Amino acid sequence: MVIHDPELFTVGPDEIVVTFRTDDDAAVTTTVGEHVVTTVGRYHSARVAGLEPDTEYALGVDGVAPTDLLPARVATIARPPGALLATFATVNDVHFGEVECGRLGTPEELGPILSAAPGAEPYPNVMNAGAISEIEALDPDAVVVKGDLTDRGTEEEYQAFLDAYTQLGPRMRHVRGNHDAMITDTIAATAPFTIDLPGATLAVLDTVRPGAEHGRIAHGQLAWLESLASESTGPVLVFGHHHPWDPSSAERNDHYFGINPDDSEALCGVITRCESIAGYFAGHTHRNRVRHFETARRVPIVEVACVKDYPGAWAEYRVYDGGYTQLVRRIASRAALTWTEQTRSMFAGLYRDYALGQQSDRSFTYLW
């Protein structure tokens, strides 16, 4: 039996998740300390629960030598102090209507360019059905969809998004991304808005520049955010589709793929002045990454990978009296893992390392 691409994907305060595949249906044992889980099939997502926070364990998968992505030992992340007050989930880059992935839009594509098999369910439908099912099982207090709801921004694609995600009920709120504003500026143009949860306020911004892939923060939203955060008696977590430019960058690029430098610096200024703000969370880049800017009090500046292809991700957040945890989840249905194992090879095999990020980009604890 050969085990392919074993990856330690999620590390929580009380659990770890390892994913891998085998050539045929097989039973494989994953061991964390004295905890043992056996998974059966061709595509495996081994979740080992009941662990202690901030504790190191030996980690092993049947017959697999340790690697950088499957180390011999793993340490669970710390649990913030105090009671668990709320949970919420996010998804981004769900891309209803997309039929091909792996294109850069350049004259010479790196490949491979992939699509669903003829007659098969469109892969955005498959991936989003998996995410919705897992989020329903979590039963969070809120769900935030951080843009790129559609591929081309048509009303039909937007309706497909609504048909799927309204299954989660009124706790689901969404904001547009650049793909949603290519032919109209009305789809999901509802931000800024807030979601009040026990222990935290979620503040959602519109970062879209209609007709362009790069972003901005327009229409007085930063003044709105500063007023909200200044008056808040609890933590504020900020969300938008685009990621900010790093003010410490040596090169100032007014066509930056994320939020333009002027608006990024202004956002960092609000974060600096408002100590209630405890993180900014984006999508857009289709990768997992966390940065810490000196000009933004080194709060987490987060990007979460997309739903639609490798690794096929959504994020769970747990809010405590003393802080929060982020746990990026890989969608674990067989259909989802089948598709994401194909798409890990995109862009001449470079996509896996880009999209996956480091373990600390996927799982971390932040204390207020």
Protein backbone atom coordinates (compact mmCIF):
# COMPACT_ATOMS: atom_id res chain seq x y z
CA MET A 1 0.00 0.00 0.00
CA VAL A 2 1.33 3.43 -1.00
CA ILE A 3 0.12 6.58 0.76
CA HIS A 4 0.25 9.73 -1.33
CA ASP A 5 0.57 13.36 -0.24
CA PRO A 6 0.03 13.00 3.51
CA GLU A 7 -0.49 16.46 5.00
CA LEU A 8 -1.02 17.61 8.56
CA PHE A 9 -3.74 20.07 7.64
CA THR A 10 -5.52 21.34 10.76
CA VAL A 11 -4.10 21.64 14.27
CA GLY A 12 -6.56 22.80 16.93
CA PRO A 13 -6.41 23.07 20.71
CA ASP A 14 -8.01 19.63 21.03
CA GLU A 15 -7.62 17.91 17.64
CA ILE A 16 -5.52 17.40 14.54
CA VAL A 17 -6.56 16.47 10.99
CA VAL A 18 -4.34 14.62 8.50
CA THR A 19 -5.34 14.11 4.84
CA PHE A 20 -3.90 11.69 2.25
CA ARG A 21 -4.91 9.25 -0.49
CA THR A 22 -4.23 5.63 -1.39
CA ASP A 23 -4.29 3.96 -4.82
CA ASP A 24 -7.21 1.74 -3.87
CA ASP A 25 -9.69 1.48 -1.01
CA ALA A 26 -7.63 0.76 2.10
CA ALA A 27 -7.78 0.93 5.88
CA VAL A 28 -5.09 3.27 7.25
CA THR A 29 -4.30 4.02 10.89
CA THR A 30 -3.29 7.49 12.08
CA THR A 31 -1.80 7.76 15.58
CA VAL A 32 -1.41 10.86 17.73
CA GLY A 33 0.17 9.99 21.07
CA GLU A 34 -2.07 7.24 22.42
CA HIS A 35 -5.02 8.25 20.22
CA VAL A 36 -5.71 6.06 17.19
CA VAL A 37 -8.07 6.64 14.25
CA THR A 38 -8.56 4.29 11.28
CA THR A 39 -9.94 5.63 8.00
CA VAL A 40 -11.18 3.48 5.14
CA GLY A 41 -11.34 4.37 1.47
CA ARG A 42 -9.18 5.91 -1.22
CA TYR A 43 -9.39 9.51 0.00
CA HIS A 44 -8.73 9.97 3.71
CA SER A 45 -9.36 12.71 6.23
CA ALA A 46 -8.24 11.44 9.64
CA ARG A 47 -9.51 13.61 12.49
CA VAL A 48 -8.04 12.77 15.88
CA ALA A 49 -9.91 14.48 18.73
CA GLY A 50 -9.74 14.48 22.51
CA LEU A 51 -6.26 16.05 22.68
CA GLU A 52 -4.97 18.52 25.26
CA PRO A 53 -4.26 22.14 24.30
CA ASP A 54 -0.68 23.35 23.91
CA THR A 55 0.69 19.81 24.16
CA GLU A 56 3.19 17.94 21.99
CA TYR A 57 2.36 14.47 20.65
CA ALA A 58 4.07 11.86 18.50
CA LEU A 59 2.35 11.69 15.08
CA GLY A 60 2.36 8.78 12.65
CA VAL A 61 0.47 7.41 9.64
CA ASP A 62 0.86 3.72 8.69
CA GLY A 63 4.17 3.19 6.92
CA VAL A 64 4.82 6.88 6.16
CA ALA A 65 8.20 8.42 6.92
CA PRO A 66 8.08 11.90 8.48
CA THR A 67 8.24 14.90 6.12
CA ASP A 68 7.94 18.65 6.43
CA LEU A 69 4.19 18.29 5.80
CA LEU A 70 3.79 15.28 8.10
CA PRO A 71 6.22 15.80 11.00
CA ALA A 72 7.05 13.09 13.54
CA ARG A 73 5.70 15.30 16.33
CA VAL A 74 2.89 17.83 16.51
CA ALA A 75 1.96 20.41 19.16
CA THR A 76 -1.67 21.42 19.56
CA ILE A 77 -2.30 25.16 19.67
CA ALA A 78 -3.18 26.93 22.89
CA ARG A 79 -6.79 27.41 23.96
CA PRO A 80 -7.60 31.01 24.89
CA PRO A 81 -8.59 31.47 28.53
CA GLY A 82 -12.18 31.68 29.67
CA ALA A 83 -15.46 30.36 28.33
CA LEU A 84 -16.25 29.62 24.69
CA LEU A 85 -18.66 32.42 23.73
CA ALA A 86 -19.36 31.93 20.01
CA THR A 87 -18.32 30.12 16.87
CA PHE A 88 -18.53 31.32 13.29
CA ALA A 89 -17.40 30.10 9.89
CA THR A 90 -16.13 31.77 6.72
CA VAL A 91 -15.80 30.74 3.10
CA ASN A 92 -14.51 32.67 0.10
CA ASP A 93 -13.90 32.30 -3.63
CA VAL A 94 -16.76 29.88 -4.16
CA HIS A 95 -17.04 30.78 -7.89
CA PHE A 96 -20.46 29.43 -8.93
CA GLY A 97 -20.53 29.06 -12.71
CA GLU A 98 -16.82 28.44 -13.20
CA VAL A 99 -16.05 25.59 -15.65
CA GLU A 100 -12.23 25.66 -15.82
CA CYS A 101 -9.50 26.22 -13.27
CA GLY A 102 -5.75 26.53 -13.62
CA ARG A 103 -5.71 29.46 -16.05
CA LEU A 104 -3.46 32.45 -15.42
CA GLY A 105 -4.74 34.39 -18.40
CA THR A 106 -1.26 34.67 -19.89
CA PRO A 107 -0.22 33.81 -23.48
CA GLU A 108 1.68 30.76 -22.25
CA GLU A 109 -0.29 28.91 -19.59
CA LEU A 110 1.63 26.76 -17.11
CA GLY A 111 -1.12 24.11 -16.98
CA PRO A 112 -2.70 21.79 -16.32
CA ILE A 113 -6.08 23.38 -16.99
CA LEU A 114 -8.79 21.26 -15.42
CA SER A 115 -12.57 20.92 -15.66
CA ALA A 116 -15.24 18.50 -14.53
CA ALA A 117 -15.71 15.37 -16.63
CA PRO A 118 -18.46 15.54 -19.29
CA GLY A 119 -21.82 15.02 -17.64
CA ALA A 120 -20.39 15.31 -14.14
CA GLU A 121 -21.63 17.74 -11.48
CA PRO A 122 -19.89 21.14 -11.90
CA TYR A 123 -16.99 21.26 -9.49
CA PRO A 124 -18.09 24.51 -7.77
CA ASN A 125 -21.36 22.75 -6.89
CA VAL A 126 -19.48 19.74 -5.53
CA MET A 127 -17.07 21.79 -3.44
CA ASN A 128 -19.68 24.17 -2.05
CA ALA A 129 -22.05 21.33 -1.18
CA GLY A 130 -19.22 19.81 0.86
CA ALA A 131 -18.47 23.09 2.63
CA ILE A 132 -22.13 23.76 3.40
CA SER A 133 -22.63 20.26 4.81
CA GLU A 134 -19.64 20.61 7.14
CA ILE A 135 -20.66 24.09 8.26
CA GLU A 136 -24.19 22.84 8.98
CA ALA A 137 -22.67 20.08 11.11
CA LEU A 138 -20.63 22.66 13.04
CA ASP A 139 -23.82 24.73 13.57
CA PRO A 140 -22.00 28.06 14.03
CA ASP A 141 -23.59 31.28 15.22
CA ALA A 142 -22.75 33.07 11.95
CA VAL A 143 -21.35 32.41 8.48
CA VAL A 144 -19.53 35.04 6.41
CA VAL A 145 -18.98 34.51 2.67
CA LYS A 146 -16.10 36.83 1.72
CA GLY A 147 -16.69 37.38 -1.97
CA ASP A 148 -16.20 35.89 -5.42
CA LEU A 149 -19.59 34.29 -5.14
CA THR A 150 -19.67 33.89 -8.93
CA ASP A 151 -17.33 33.36 -11.87
CA ARG A 152 -18.53 36.05 -14.31
CA GLY A 153 -20.90 38.04 -12.11
CA THR A 154 -24.14 37.06 -13.83
CA GLU A 155 -27.51 37.07 -12.13
CA GLU A 156 -27.87 33.35 -12.86
CA GLU A 157 -24.58 32.54 -11.10
CA TYR A 158 -25.54 34.73 -8.16
CA GLN A 159 -28.87 32.94 -7.89
CA ALA A 160 -27.01 29.60 -7.86
CA PHE A 161 -24.94 30.93 -4.95
CA LEU A 162 -28.07 32.03 -3.09
CA ASP A 163 -29.85 28.73 -3.74
CA ALA A 164 -26.93 26.90 -2.14
CA TYR A 165 -25.92 29.13 0.76
CA THR A 166 -29.35 30.22 1.95
CA GLN A 167 -29.63 26.64 3.23
CA LEU A 168 -27.62 28.01 6.16
CA GLY A 169 -30.43 30.41 7.05
CA PRO A 170 -30.28 34.06 8.14
CA ARG A 171 -26.99 33.52 10.00
CA MET A 172 -25.34 33.52 6.53
CA ARG A 173 -24.19 36.95 5.36
CA HIS A 174 -22.19 37.66 2.21
CA VAL A 175 -20.25 40.39 0.47
CA ARG A 176 -19.12 40.73 -3.11
CA GLY A 177 -15.69 40.09 -4.61
CA ASN A 178 -14.12 41.32 -7.83
CA HIS A 179 -15.64 38.49 -9.92
CA ASP A 180 -19.10 39.63 -8.81
CA ALA A 181 -18.65 43.19 -10.11
CA MET A 182 -17.34 42.62 -13.62
CA ILE A 183 -20.61 43.34 -15.48
CA THR A 184 -22.75 45.01 -12.80
CA ASP A 185 -22.08 46.90 -9.57
CA THR A 186 -25.26 45.77 -7.81
CA ILE A 187 -24.69 42.09 -6.94
CA ALA A 188 -24.10 41.71 -3.17
CA ALA A 189 -23.13 45.37 -2.79
CA THR A 190 -24.42 45.46 0.78
CA ALA A 191 -21.35 46.27 2.90
CA PRO A 192 -20.34 47.71 5.24
CA PHE A 193 -22.32 45.85 7.85
CA THR A 194 -21.83 44.26 11.25
CA ILE A 195 -22.67 40.92 12.82
CA ASP A 196 -22.95 41.00 16.59
CA LEU A 197 -21.89 37.81 18.37
CA PRO A 198 -21.34 37.01 22.02
CA GLY A 199 -17.77 38.14 22.69
CA ALA A 200 -17.04 39.92 19.38
CA THR A 201 -18.38 42.12 16.59
CA LEU A 202 -17.72 41.13 12.97
CA ALA A 203 -17.29 44.16 10.68
CA VAL A 204 -17.57 43.43 6.95
CA LEU A 205 -16.16 45.82 4.33
CA ASP A 206 -16.67 46.11 0.57
CA THR A 207 -13.17 46.12 -1.00
CA VAL A 208 -14.27 45.91 -4.65
CA ARG A 209 -13.32 48.29 -7.45
CA PRO A 210 -16.03 47.41 -10.04
CA GLY A 211 -14.60 46.13 -13.30
CA ALA A 212 -11.13 45.48 -11.86
CA GLU A 213 -9.44 42.60 -10.07
CA HIS A 214 -7.57 44.82 -7.60
CA GLY A 215 -9.26 46.35 -4.59
CA ARG A 216 -9.93 49.50 -2.59
CA ILE A 217 -11.85 50.63 0.48
CA ALA A 218 -14.15 53.40 -0.68
CA HIS A 219 -17.24 55.39 0.30
CA GLY A 220 -16.27 56.37 3.84
CA GLN A 221 -15.99 52.78 5.06
CA LEU A 222 -12.80 53.42 7.03
CA ALA A 223 -14.45 56.28 8.91
CA TRP A 224 -17.38 53.92 9.59
CA LEU A 225 -14.98 51.22 10.83
CA GLU A 226 -13.06 53.63 13.06
CA SER A 227 -16.26 54.95 14.62
CA LEU A 228 -17.51 51.42 15.21
CA ALA A 229 -14.24 50.17 16.70
CA SER A 230 -13.70 53.27 18.83
CA GLU A 231 -17.10 52.87 20.44
CA SER A 232 -16.97 49.09 20.81
CA THR A 233 -16.67 47.66 24.31
CA GLY A 234 -15.43 44.32 22.95
CA PRO A 235 -13.19 42.95 20.21
CA VAL A 236 -13.85 43.72 16.53
CA LEU A 237 -12.84 41.34 13.71
CA VAL A 238 -12.75 42.88 10.22
CA PHE A 239 -13.52 41.07 6.94
CA GLY A 240 -13.22 41.91 3.25
CA HIS A 241 -12.58 40.14 -0.03
CA HIS A 242 -9.20 41.70 -0.84
CA HIS A 243 -6.04 41.55 1.26
CA PRO A 244 -4.09 44.71 2.13
CA TRP A 245 -0.74 45.79 0.72
CA ASP A 246 2.14 45.59 3.21
CA PRO A 247 3.15 49.15 4.15
CA SER A 248 6.72 47.96 4.79
CA SER A 249 7.06 46.84 1.15
CA ALA A 250 9.97 48.40 -0.71
CA GLU A 251 7.88 48.76 -3.87
CA ARG A 252 4.72 50.85 -3.95
CA ASN A 253 2.36 49.43 -6.57
CA ASP A 254 -0.84 51.33 -7.27
CA HIS A 255 -2.11 48.33 -9.27
CA TYR A 256 -1.49 45.90 -6.42
CA PHE A 257 -3.58 42.72 -6.70
CA GLY A 258 -5.14 43.42 -3.30
CA ILE A 259 -6.15 46.72 -1.66
CA ASN A 260 -4.22 49.69 -3.08
CA PRO A 261 -1.37 51.13 -0.97
CA ASP A 262 -3.17 54.33 0.10
CA ASP A 263 -6.22 52.49 1.38
CA SER A 264 -4.07 49.75 2.93
CA GLU A 265 -2.08 52.32 4.88
CA ALA A 266 -5.31 53.98 5.98
CA LEU A 267 -6.71 50.62 7.12
CA CYS A 268 -3.55 49.97 9.12
CA GLY A 269 -3.92 53.40 10.67
CA VAL A 270 -7.43 52.56 11.86
CA ILE A 271 -6.18 49.27 13.32
CA THR A 272 -3.36 51.09 15.11
CA ARG A 273 -5.69 53.68 16.63
CA CYS A 274 -8.40 51.18 17.59
CA GLU A 275 -7.09 48.55 19.97
CA SER A 276 -10.42 46.73 19.83
CA ILE A 277 -9.60 45.50 16.29
CA ALA A 278 -8.09 42.02 16.60
CA GLY A 279 -7.61 40.91 12.99
CA TYR A 280 -8.39 41.41 9.31
CA PHE A 281 -9.55 38.42 7.23
CA ALA A 282 -9.63 38.17 3.41
CA GLY A 283 -9.86 35.74 0.52
CA HIS A 284 -9.05 36.62 -3.12
CA THR A 285 -5.56 35.09 -3.32
CA HIS A 286 -6.68 31.44 -3.06
CA ARG A 287 -4.03 30.70 -0.45
CA ASN A 288 -3.56 30.42 3.29
CA ARG A 289 -1.33 33.18 4.64
CA VAL A 290 -1.00 35.23 7.83
CA ARG A 291 1.05 38.42 8.01
CA HIS A 292 1.74 40.82 10.87
CA PHE A 293 2.32 44.50 10.04
CA GLU A 294 4.17 46.75 12.48
CA THR A 295 1.91 49.58 11.29
CA ALA A 296 -1.17 47.56 12.34
CA ARG A 297 -0.12 46.50 15.87
CA ARG A 298 0.89 43.09 14.48
CA VAL A 299 -2.67 41.77 14.61
CA PRO A 300 -3.24 38.84 12.22
CA ILE A 301 -3.71 39.92 8.59
CA VAL A 302 -5.20 36.72 7.18
CA GLU A 303 -5.91 35.17 3.78
CA VAL A 304 -7.84 31.88 3.55
CA ALA A 305 -7.65 29.50 0.59
CA CYS A 306 -10.58 29.04 -1.78
CA VAL A 307 -13.45 26.58 -1.65
CA LYS A 308 -13.47 25.70 -5.35
CA ASP A 309 -10.16 23.84 -5.77
CA TYR A 310 -7.11 22.65 -3.80
CA PRO A 311 -7.09 22.50 -0.87
CA GLY A 312 -10.83 23.17 -0.81
CA ALA A 313 -11.01 25.18 2.39
CA TRP A 314 -13.29 26.93 4.83
CA ALA A 315 -12.42 28.42 8.21
CA GLU A 316 -13.81 27.89 11.70
CA TYR A 317 -13.37 30.53 14.41
CA ARG A 318 -13.94 30.03 18.12
CA VAL A 319 -14.38 33.16 20.25
CA TYR A 320 -13.47 32.92 23.94
CA ASP A 321 -13.37 35.37 26.83
CA GLY A 322 -9.62 35.74 26.29
CA GLY A 323 -9.14 35.49 22.51
CA TYR A 324 -9.97 33.44 19.42
CA THR A 325 -8.70 30.51 17.39
CA GLN A 326 -8.63 30.08 13.62
CA LEU A 327 -8.86 26.55 12.22
CA VAL A 328 -8.78 26.22 8.42
CA ARG A 329 -10.66 23.08 7.41
CA ARG A 330 -10.16 21.01 4.26
CA ILE A 331 -13.51 19.87 2.82
CA ALA A 332 -13.50 16.14 3.51
CA SER A 333 -16.27 14.62 1.38
CA ARG A 334 -15.02 11.97 -1.03
CA ALA A 335 -16.18 14.01 -4.03
CA ALA A 336 -14.37 17.11 -2.74
CA LEU A 337 -11.13 15.27 -1.97
CA THR A 338 -11.24 13.59 -5.41
CA TRP A 339 -11.40 17.00 -7.10
CA THR A 340 -8.85 18.77 -4.90
CA GLU A 341 -6.34 15.95 -5.30
CA GLN A 342 -6.49 16.63 -9.05
CA THR A 343 -6.17 20.39 -8.71
CA ARG A 344 -3.18 20.37 -6.36
CA SER A 345 -1.01 19.96 -9.48
CA MET A 346 -2.09 23.20 -11.16
CA PHE A 347 0.39 25.83 -12.34
CA ALA A 348 3.12 23.35 -13.23
CA GLY A 349 2.91 21.72 -9.80
CA LEU A 350 3.55 24.97 -7.92
CA TYR A 351 0.02 25.39 -6.61
CA ARG A 352 0.19 23.08 -3.62
CA ASP A 353 2.90 24.97 -1.78
CA TYR A 354 1.38 28.34 -2.71
CA ALA A 355 -2.20 27.49 -1.67
CA LEU A 356 -1.44 25.33 1.36
CA GLY A 357 0.81 27.80 3.20
CA GLN A 358 2.47 27.02 6.50
CA GLN A 359 0.77 25.32 9.43
CA SER A 360 0.75 28.63 11.30
CA ASP A 361 -1.13 30.20 8.37
CA ARG A 362 -3.97 27.72 8.85
CA SER A 363 -4.23 27.28 12.62
CA PHE A 364 -3.45 29.84 15.31
CA THR A 365 -4.59 31.37 18.58
CA TYR A 366 -4.79 35.11 19.20
CA LEU A 367 -5.22 36.55 22.70
CA TRP A 368 -7.03 39.84 23.25
